[in-house]
PDB file of all heavy atoms in Angstrom:
ATOM      1  N   PHE A   1     -67.658   5.462  57.107  1.00  0.00           N
ATOM      2  CA  PHE A   1     -68.375   4.503  56.246  1.00  0.00           C
ATOM      3  C   PHE A   1     -68.803   5.175  54.962  1.00  0.00           C
ATOM      4  O   PHE A   1     -68.645   4.615  53.845  1.00  0.00           O
ATOM      5  CB  PHE A   1     -69.576   3.952  57.014  1.00  0.00           C
ATOM      6  CG  PHE A   1     -70.429   2.930  56.280  1.00  0.00           C
ATOM      7  CD1 PHE A   1     -70.197   1.595  56.473  1.00  0.00           C
ATOM      8  CD2 PHE A   1     -71.419   3.350  55.413  1.00  0.00           C
ATOM      9  CE1 PHE A   1     -70.956   0.666  55.787  1.00  0.00           C
ATOM     10  CE2 PHE A   1     -72.203   2.429  54.747  1.00  0.00           C
ATOM     11  CZ  PHE A   1     -71.970   1.067  54.954  1.00  0.00           C
ATOM     12  N   THR A   2     -69.327   6.388  55.042  1.00  0.00           N
ATOM     13  CA  THR A   2     -69.779   7.130  53.892  1.00  0.00           C
ATOM     14  C   THR A   2     -68.663   7.448  52.944  1.00  0.00           C
ATOM     15  O   THR A   2     -68.781   7.322  51.697  1.00  0.00           O
ATOM     16  CB  THR A   2     -70.472   8.460  54.340  1.00  0.00           C
ATOM     17  OG1 THR A   2     -71.531   8.153  55.227  1.00  0.00           O
ATOM     18  CG2 THR A   2     -70.992   9.215  53.120  1.00  0.00           C
ATOM     19  N   LEU A   3     -67.548   7.887  53.482  1.00  0.00           N
ATOM     20  CA  LEU A   3     -66.372   8.181  52.633  1.00  0.00           C
ATOM     21  C   LEU A   3     -65.905   6.964  51.866  1.00  0.00           C
ATOM     22  O   LEU A   3     -65.564   7.013  50.695  1.00  0.00           O
ATOM     23  CB  LEU A   3     -65.242   8.769  53.485  1.00  0.00           C
ATOM     24  CG  LEU A   3     -65.492  10.168  54.115  1.00  0.00           C
ATOM     25  CD1 LEU A   3     -64.332  10.531  55.043  1.00  0.00           C
ATOM     26  CD2 LEU A   3     -65.654  11.220  53.031  1.00  0.00           C
ATOM     27  N   LEU A   4     -65.879   5.849  52.565  1.00  0.00           N
ATOM     28  CA  LEU A   4     -65.372   4.605  51.902  1.00  0.00           C
ATOM     29  C   LEU A   4     -66.294   4.143  50.792  1.00  0.00           C
ATOM     30  O   LEU A   4     -65.842   3.820  49.700  1.00  0.00           O
ATOM     31  CB  LEU A   4     -65.223   3.507  52.982  1.00  0.00           C
ATOM     32  CG  LEU A   4     -64.058   3.680  53.955  1.00  0.00           C
ATOM     33  CD1 LEU A   4     -64.126   2.634  55.037  1.00  0.00           C
ATOM     34  CD2 LEU A   4     -62.726   3.668  53.250  1.00  0.00           C
ATOM     35  N   VAL A   5     -67.591   4.120  51.076  1.00  0.00           N
ATOM     36  CA  VAL A   5     -68.522   3.631  50.021  1.00  0.00           C
ATOM     37  C   VAL A   5     -68.579   4.575  48.852  1.00  0.00           C
ATOM     38  O   VAL A   5     -68.775   4.144  47.697  1.00  0.00           O
ATOM     39  CB  VAL A   5     -69.953   3.338  50.575  1.00  0.00           C
ATOM     40  CG1 VAL A   5     -69.918   2.203  51.569  1.00  0.00           C
ATOM     41  CG2 VAL A   5     -70.546   4.593  51.204  1.00  0.00           C
ATOM     42  N   ASN A   6     -68.463   5.847  49.098  1.00  0.00           N
ATOM     43  CA  ASN A   6     -68.472   6.827  47.984  1.00  0.00           C
ATOM     44  C   ASN A   6     -67.172   6.851  47.189  1.00  0.00           C
ATOM     45  O   ASN A   6     -67.162   7.439  46.105  1.00  0.00           O
ATOM     46  CB  ASN A   6     -68.845   8.231  48.497  1.00  0.00           C
ATOM     47  CG  ASN A   6     -70.285   8.392  48.758  1.00  0.00           C
ATOM     48  OD1 ASN A   6     -71.062   8.773  47.831  1.00  0.00           O
ATOM     49  ND2 ASN A   6     -70.742   8.166  49.974  1.00  0.00           N
ATOM     50  N   ARG A   7     -66.152   6.224  47.709  1.00  0.00           N
ATOM     51  CA  ARG A   7     -64.937   6.059  46.964  1.00  0.00           C
ATOM     52  C   ARG A   7     -64.851   4.652  46.341  1.00  0.00           C
ATOM     53  O   ARG A   7     -63.795   4.274  45.833  1.00  0.00           O
ATOM     54  CB  ARG A   7     -63.698   6.293  47.858  1.00  0.00           C
ATOM     55  CG  ARG A   7     -63.569   7.747  48.277  1.00  0.00           C
ATOM     56  CD  ARG A   7     -62.290   7.981  49.054  1.00  0.00           C
ATOM     57  NE  ARG A   7     -62.155   9.415  49.415  1.00  0.00           N
ATOM     58  CZ  ARG A   7     -61.133   9.904  50.066  1.00  0.00           C
ATOM     59  NH1 ARG A   7     -60.162   9.122  50.514  1.00  0.00           N
ATOM     60  NH2 ARG A   7     -61.109  11.219  50.347  1.00  0.00           N
ATOM     61  N   GLY A   8     -65.940   3.916  46.378  1.00  0.00           N
ATOM     62  CA  GLY A   8     -65.987   2.641  45.736  1.00  0.00           C
ATOM     63  C   GLY A   8     -65.543   1.450  46.541  1.00  0.00           C
ATOM     64  O   GLY A   8     -65.413   0.350  46.038  1.00  0.00           O
ATOM     65  N   ALA A   9     -65.236   1.687  47.827  1.00  0.00           N
ATOM     66  CA  ALA A   9     -64.758   0.581  48.671  1.00  0.00           C
ATOM     67  C   ALA A   9     -65.978  -0.160  49.216  1.00  0.00           C
ATOM     68  O   ALA A   9     -66.550   0.194  50.201  1.00  0.00           O
ATOM     69  CB  ALA A   9     -63.922   1.160  49.854  1.00  0.00           C
ATOM     70  N   GLY A  10     -66.328  -1.262  48.509  1.00  0.00           N
ATOM     71  CA  GLY A  10     -67.475  -2.021  48.929  1.00  0.00           C
ATOM     72  C   GLY A  10     -67.170  -3.373  49.535  1.00  0.00           C
ATOM     73  O   GLY A  10     -68.029  -4.222  49.572  1.00  0.00           O
ATOM     74  N   ARG A  11     -65.948  -3.569  50.036  1.00  0.00           N
ATOM     75  CA  ARG A  11     -65.552  -4.850  50.590  1.00  0.00           C
ATOM     76  C   ARG A  11     -66.188  -5.054  51.970  1.00  0.00           C
ATOM     77  O   ARG A  11     -66.055  -4.213  52.876  1.00  0.00           O
ATOM     78  CB  ARG A  11     -64.035  -4.926  50.712  1.00  0.00           C
ATOM     79  CG  ARG A  11     -63.335  -4.881  49.362  1.00  0.00           C
ATOM     80  CD  ARG A  11     -61.805  -4.781  49.500  1.00  0.00           C
ATOM     81  NE  ARG A  11     -61.120  -4.768  48.239  1.00  0.00           N
ATOM     82  CZ  ARG A  11     -60.930  -3.659  47.539  1.00  0.00           C
ATOM     83  NH1 ARG A  11     -61.390  -2.511  47.959  1.00  0.00           N
ATOM     84  NH2 ARG A  11     -60.286  -3.732  46.382  1.00  0.00           N
ATOM     85  N   TRP A  12     -66.849  -6.231  52.117  1.00  0.00           N
ATOM     86  CA  TRP A  12     -67.620  -6.474  53.345  1.00  0.00           C
ATOM     87  C   TRP A  12     -66.729  -6.506  54.585  1.00  0.00           C
ATOM     88  O   TRP A  12     -67.144  -6.013  55.660  1.00  0.00           O
ATOM     89  CB  TRP A  12     -68.361  -7.805  53.224  1.00  0.00           C
ATOM     90  CG  TRP A  12     -67.456  -9.001  53.233  1.00  0.00           C
ATOM     91  CD1 TRP A  12     -66.918  -9.637  52.160  1.00  0.00           C
ATOM     92  CD2 TRP A  12     -67.026  -9.700  54.374  1.00  0.00           C
ATOM     93  NE1 TRP A  12     -66.157 -10.722  52.562  1.00  0.00           N
ATOM     94  CE2 TRP A  12     -66.202 -10.763  53.929  1.00  0.00           C
ATOM     95  CE3 TRP A  12     -67.216  -9.561  55.758  1.00  0.00           C
ATOM     96  CZ2 TRP A  12     -65.584 -11.631  54.790  1.00  0.00           C
ATOM     97  CZ3 TRP A  12     -66.633 -10.436  56.636  1.00  0.00           C
ATOM     98  CH2 TRP A  12     -65.810 -11.493  56.156  1.00  0.00           C
ATOM     99  N   TRP A  13     -65.489  -7.009  54.447  1.00  0.00           N
ATOM    100  CA  TRP A  13     -64.615  -7.110  55.612  1.00  0.00           C
ATOM    101  C   TRP A  13     -64.139  -5.764  56.131  1.00  0.00           C
ATOM    102  O   TRP A  13     -63.653  -5.660  57.245  1.00  0.00           O
ATOM    103  CB  TRP A  13     -63.395  -8.021  55.320  1.00  0.00           C
ATOM    104  CG  TRP A  13     -62.642  -7.643  54.050  1.00  0.00           C
ATOM    105  CD1 TRP A  13     -62.807  -8.149  52.814  1.00  0.00           C
ATOM    106  CD2 TRP A  13     -61.612  -6.625  53.971  1.00  0.00           C
ATOM    107  NE1 TRP A  13     -61.934  -7.537  51.898  1.00  0.00           N
ATOM    108  CE2 TRP A  13     -61.187  -6.605  52.576  1.00  0.00           C
ATOM    109  CE3 TRP A  13     -61.011  -5.773  54.865  1.00  0.00           C
ATOM    110  CZ2 TRP A  13     -60.203  -5.741  52.151  1.00  0.00           C
ATOM    111  CZ3 TRP A  13     -59.997  -4.893  54.416  1.00  0.00           C
ATOM    112  CH2 TRP A  13     -59.620  -4.921  53.082  1.00  0.00           C
ATOM    113  N   LEU A  14     -64.328  -4.744  55.288  1.00  0.00           N
ATOM    114  CA  LEU A  14     -63.992  -3.382  55.714  1.00  0.00           C
ATOM    115  C   LEU A  14     -65.184  -2.643  56.268  1.00  0.00           C
ATOM    116  O   LEU A  14     -65.079  -1.928  57.291  1.00  0.00           O
ATOM    117  CB  LEU A  14     -63.371  -2.600  54.539  1.00  0.00           C
ATOM    118  CG  LEU A  14     -62.929  -1.168  54.793  1.00  0.00           C
ATOM    119  CD1 LEU A  14     -61.772  -1.147  55.802  1.00  0.00           C
ATOM    120  CD2 LEU A  14     -62.466  -0.527  53.474  1.00  0.00           C
ATOM    121  N   LEU A  15     -66.320  -2.816  55.607  1.00  0.00           N
ATOM    122  CA  LEU A  15     -67.518  -2.056  55.976  1.00  0.00           C
ATOM    123  C   LEU A  15     -68.290  -2.664  57.098  1.00  0.00           C
ATOM    124  O   LEU A  15     -68.883  -1.952  57.945  1.00  0.00           O
ATOM    125  CB  LEU A  15     -68.445  -1.909  54.755  1.00  0.00           C
ATOM    126  CG  LEU A  15     -67.850  -1.162  53.558  1.00  0.00           C
ATOM    127  CD1 LEU A  15     -68.846  -1.146  52.414  1.00  0.00           C
ATOM    128  CD2 LEU A  15     -67.437   0.238  53.936  1.00  0.00           C
ATOM    129  N   LEU A  16     -68.326  -3.994  57.194  1.00  0.00           N
ATOM    130  CA  LEU A  16     -69.136  -4.635  58.228  1.00  0.00           C
ATOM    131  C   LEU A  16     -68.671  -4.303  59.648  1.00  0.00           C
ATOM    132  O   LEU A  16     -69.482  -3.978  60.509  1.00  0.00           O
ATOM    133  CB  LEU A  16     -69.183  -6.144  58.007  1.00  0.00           C
ATOM    134  CG  LEU A  16     -70.135  -6.957  58.880  1.00  0.00           C
ATOM    135  CD1 LEU A  16     -71.550  -6.416  58.752  1.00  0.00           C
ATOM    136  CD2 LEU A  16     -70.058  -8.433  58.565  1.00  0.00           C
ATOM    137  N   PRO A  17     -67.365  -4.342  59.931  1.00  0.00           N
ATOM    138  CA  PRO A  17     -66.920  -3.947  61.263  1.00  0.00           C
ATOM    139  C   PRO A  17     -67.272  -2.470  61.617  1.00  0.00           C
ATOM    140  O   PRO A  17     -67.664  -2.183  62.736  1.00  0.00           O
ATOM    141  CB  PRO A  17     -65.383  -4.126  61.248  1.00  0.00           C
ATOM    142  CG  PRO A  17     -65.156  -5.140  60.171  1.00  0.00           C
ATOM    143  CD  PRO A  17     -66.184  -4.872  59.144  1.00  0.00           C
ATOM    144  N   LEU A  18     -67.154  -1.588  60.608  1.00  0.00           N
ATOM    145  CA  LEU A  18     -67.545  -0.198  60.838  1.00  0.00           C
ATOM    146  C   LEU A  18     -69.036  -0.104  61.175  1.00  0.00           C
ATOM    147  O   LEU A  18     -69.445   0.673  62.042  1.00  0.00           O
ATOM    148  CB  LEU A  18     -67.258   0.651  59.603  1.00  0.00           C
ATOM    149  CG  LEU A  18     -65.767   0.968  59.347  1.00  0.00           C
ATOM    150  CD1 LEU A  18     -65.640   1.722  58.014  1.00  0.00           C
ATOM    151  CD2 LEU A  18     -65.194   1.806  60.483  1.00  0.00           C
ATOM    152  N   ALA A  19     -69.892  -0.899  60.419  1.00  0.00           N
ATOM    153  CA  ALA A  19     -71.296  -0.870  60.691  1.00  0.00           C
ATOM    154  C   ALA A  19     -71.613  -1.345  62.115  1.00  0.00           C
ATOM    155  O   ALA A  19     -72.471  -0.762  62.787  1.00  0.00           O
ATOM    156  CB  ALA A  19     -72.001  -1.747  59.655  1.00  0.00           C
ATOM    157  N   VAL A  20     -70.938  -2.380  62.567  1.00  0.00           N
ATOM    158  CA  VAL A  20     -71.170  -2.908  63.920  1.00  0.00           C
ATOM    159  C   VAL A  20     -70.769  -1.849  64.983  1.00  0.00           C
ATOM    160  O   VAL A  20     -71.516  -1.655  65.955  1.00  0.00           O
ATOM    161  CB  VAL A  20     -70.404  -4.196  64.138  1.00  0.00           C
ATOM    162  CG1 VAL A  20     -70.487  -4.674  65.580  1.00  0.00           C
ATOM    163  CG2 VAL A  20     -70.953  -5.314  63.237  1.00  0.00           C
ATOM    164  N   VAL A  21     -69.647  -1.213  64.776  1.00  0.00           N
ATOM    165  CA  VAL A  21     -69.185  -0.185  65.723  1.00  0.00           C
ATOM    166  C   VAL A  21     -70.163   1.001  65.778  1.00  0.00           C
ATOM    167  O   VAL A  21     -70.568   1.492  66.823  1.00  0.00           O
ATOM    168  CB  VAL A  21     -67.791   0.319  65.355  1.00  0.00           C
ATOM    169  CG1 VAL A  21     -67.407   1.548  66.170  1.00  0.00           C
ATOM    170  CG2 VAL A  21     -66.759  -0.807  65.531  1.00  0.00           C
ATOM    171  N   ALA A  22     -70.623   1.461  64.535  1.00  0.00           N
ATOM    172  CA  ALA A  22     -71.597   2.575  64.478  1.00  0.00           C
ATOM    173  C   ALA A  22     -72.891   2.145  65.184  1.00  0.00           C
ATOM    174  O   ALA A  22     -73.484   2.999  65.937  1.00  0.00           O
ATOM    175  CB  ALA A  22     -71.854   2.921  63.043  1.00  0.00           C
ATOM    176  N   TRP A  23     -73.345   0.948  64.979  1.00  0.00           N
ATOM    177  CA  TRP A  23     -74.556   0.477  65.620  1.00  0.00           C
ATOM    178  C   TRP A  23     -74.416   0.451  67.162  1.00  0.00           C
ATOM    179  O   TRP A  23     -75.305   0.924  67.916  1.00  0.00           O
ATOM    180  CB  TRP A  23     -74.935  -0.923  65.116  1.00  0.00           C
ATOM    181  CG  TRP A  23     -76.057  -1.532  65.880  1.00  0.00           C
ATOM    182  CD1 TRP A  23     -77.392  -1.388  65.644  1.00  0.00           C
ATOM    183  CD2 TRP A  23     -75.949  -2.394  67.045  1.00  0.00           C
ATOM    184  NE1 TRP A  23     -78.131  -2.093  66.554  1.00  0.00           N
ATOM    185  CE2 TRP A  23     -77.276  -2.703  67.426  1.00  0.00           C
ATOM    186  CE3 TRP A  23     -74.878  -2.898  67.749  1.00  0.00           C
ATOM    187  CZ2 TRP A  23     -77.524  -3.542  68.522  1.00  0.00           C
ATOM    188  CZ3 TRP A  23     -75.153  -3.708  68.864  1.00  0.00           C
ATOM    189  CH2 TRP A  23     -76.445  -4.018  69.219  1.00  0.00           C
ATOM    190  N   ALA A  24     -73.316  -0.121  67.655  1.00  0.00           N
ATOM    191  CA  ALA A  24     -73.060  -0.227  69.084  1.00  0.00           C
ATOM    192  C   ALA A  24     -73.010   1.102  69.748  1.00  0.00           C
ATOM    193  O   ALA A  24     -73.565   1.330  70.849  1.00  0.00           O
ATOM    194  CB  ALA A  24     -71.827  -1.051  69.352  1.00  0.00           C
ATOM    195  N   LEU A  25     -72.328   2.066  69.105  1.00  0.00           N
ATOM    196  CA  LEU A  25     -72.207   3.409  69.698  1.00  0.00           C
ATOM    197  C   LEU A  25     -73.525   4.127  69.661  1.00  0.00           C
ATOM    198  O   LEU A  25     -73.857   4.856  70.607  1.00  0.00           O
ATOM    199  CB  LEU A  25     -71.138   4.223  68.937  1.00  0.00           C
ATOM    200  CG  LEU A  25     -69.676   3.799  69.143  1.00  0.00           C
ATOM    201  CD1 LEU A  25     -68.740   4.501  68.201  1.00  0.00           C
ATOM    202  CD2 LEU A  25     -69.240   4.051  70.616  1.00  0.00           C
ATOM    203  N   MET A  26     -74.287   3.952  68.597  1.00  0.00           N
ATOM    204  CA  MET A  26     -75.637   4.562  68.523  1.00  0.00           C
ATOM    205  C   MET A  26     -76.544   3.975  69.634  1.00  0.00           C
ATOM    206  O   MET A  26     -77.259   4.745  70.274  1.00  0.00           O
ATOM    207  CB  MET A  26     -76.242   4.308  67.192  1.00  0.00           C
ATOM    208  CG  MET A  26     -77.563   5.048  66.917  1.00  0.00           C
ATOM    209  SD  MET A  26     -77.351   6.842  66.754  1.00  0.00           S
ATOM    210  CE  MET A  26     -76.627   6.954  65.110  1.00  0.00           C
ATOM    211  N   HIS A  27     -76.400   2.690  69.867  1.00  0.00           N
ATOM    212  CA  HIS A  27     -77.192   2.067  70.939  1.00  0.00           C
ATOM    213  C   HIS A  27     -76.827   2.642  72.292  1.00  0.00           C
ATOM    214  O   HIS A  27     -77.675   2.964  73.128  1.00  0.00           O
ATOM    215  CB  HIS A  27     -76.957   0.592  70.938  1.00  0.00           C
ATOM    216  CG  HIS A  27     -77.753  -0.207  71.970  1.00  0.00           C
ATOM    217  ND1 HIS A  27     -77.324  -0.373  73.250  1.00  0.00           N
ATOM    218  CD2 HIS A  27     -78.952  -0.807  71.894  1.00  0.00           C
ATOM    219  CE1 HIS A  27     -78.218  -1.062  73.929  1.00  0.00           C
ATOM    220  NE2 HIS A  27     -79.237  -1.326  73.152  1.00  0.00           N
ATOM    221  N   ALA A  28     -75.484   2.847  72.501  1.00  0.00           N
ATOM    222  CA  ALA A  28     -75.039   3.395  73.790  1.00  0.00           C
ATOM    223  C   ALA A  28     -75.410   4.861  73.967  1.00  0.00           C
ATOM    224  O   ALA A  28     -75.485   5.377  75.070  1.00  0.00           O
ATOM    225  CB  ALA A  28     -73.529   3.267  73.878  1.00  0.00           C
ATOM    226  N   SER A  29     -75.671   5.567  72.857  1.00  0.00           N
ATOM    227  CA  SER A  29     -75.967   7.009  72.922  1.00  0.00           C
ATOM    228  C   SER A  29     -77.366   7.292  73.441  1.00  0.00           C
ATOM    229  O   SER A  29     -77.656   8.416  73.893  1.00  0.00           O
ATOM    230  CB  SER A  29     -75.786   7.658  71.566  1.00  0.00           C
ATOM    231  OG  SER A  29     -76.848   7.288  70.702  1.00  0.00           O
ATOM    232  N   GLY A  30     -78.262   6.297  73.385  1.00  0.00           N
ATOM    233  CA  GLY A  30     -79.638   6.564  73.761  1.00  0.00           C
ATOM    234  C   GLY A  30     -80.567   6.711  72.576  1.00  0.00           C
ATOM    235  O   GLY A  30     -81.788   6.581  72.718  1.00  0.00           O
ATOM    236  N   VAL A  31     -80.010   7.009  71.403  1.00  0.00           N
ATOM    237  CA  VAL A  31     -80.802   7.027  70.176  1.00  0.00           C
ATOM    238  C   VAL A  31     -81.065   5.607  69.768  1.00  0.00           C
ATOM    239  O   VAL A  31     -80.126   4.769  69.856  1.00  0.00           O
ATOM    240  CB  VAL A  31     -80.092   7.816  69.070  1.00  0.00           C
ATOM    241  CG1 VAL A  31     -80.883   7.813  67.766  1.00  0.00           C
ATOM    242  CG2 VAL A  31     -79.853   9.272  69.492  1.00  0.00           C
ATOM    243  N   HIS A  32     -82.239   5.273  69.234  1.00  0.00           N
ATOM    244  CA  HIS A  32     -82.521   3.895  68.883  1.00  0.00           C
ATOM    245  C   HIS A  32     -81.507   3.417  67.855  1.00  0.00           C
ATOM    246  O   HIS A  32     -81.232   4.113  66.880  1.00  0.00           O
ATOM    247  CB  HIS A  32     -83.924   3.725  68.329  1.00  0.00           C
ATOM    248  CG  HIS A  32     -84.417   2.319  68.392  1.00  0.00           C
ATOM    249  ND1 HIS A  32     -84.237   1.426  67.380  1.00  0.00           N
ATOM    250  CD2 HIS A  32     -85.047   1.618  69.391  1.00  0.00           C
ATOM    251  CE1 HIS A  32     -84.749   0.244  67.731  1.00  0.00           C
ATOM    252  NE2 HIS A  32     -85.218   0.348  68.939  1.00  0.00           N
TER     253      HIS A  32
END
């Protein structure tokens, strides 16, 4: 996600799925 936004890729259809996956995995890890 960081690499994409720092290269100017701000399209929601690309970043939003990554955000959901990062959130779900963080939830599963035990970290809030």
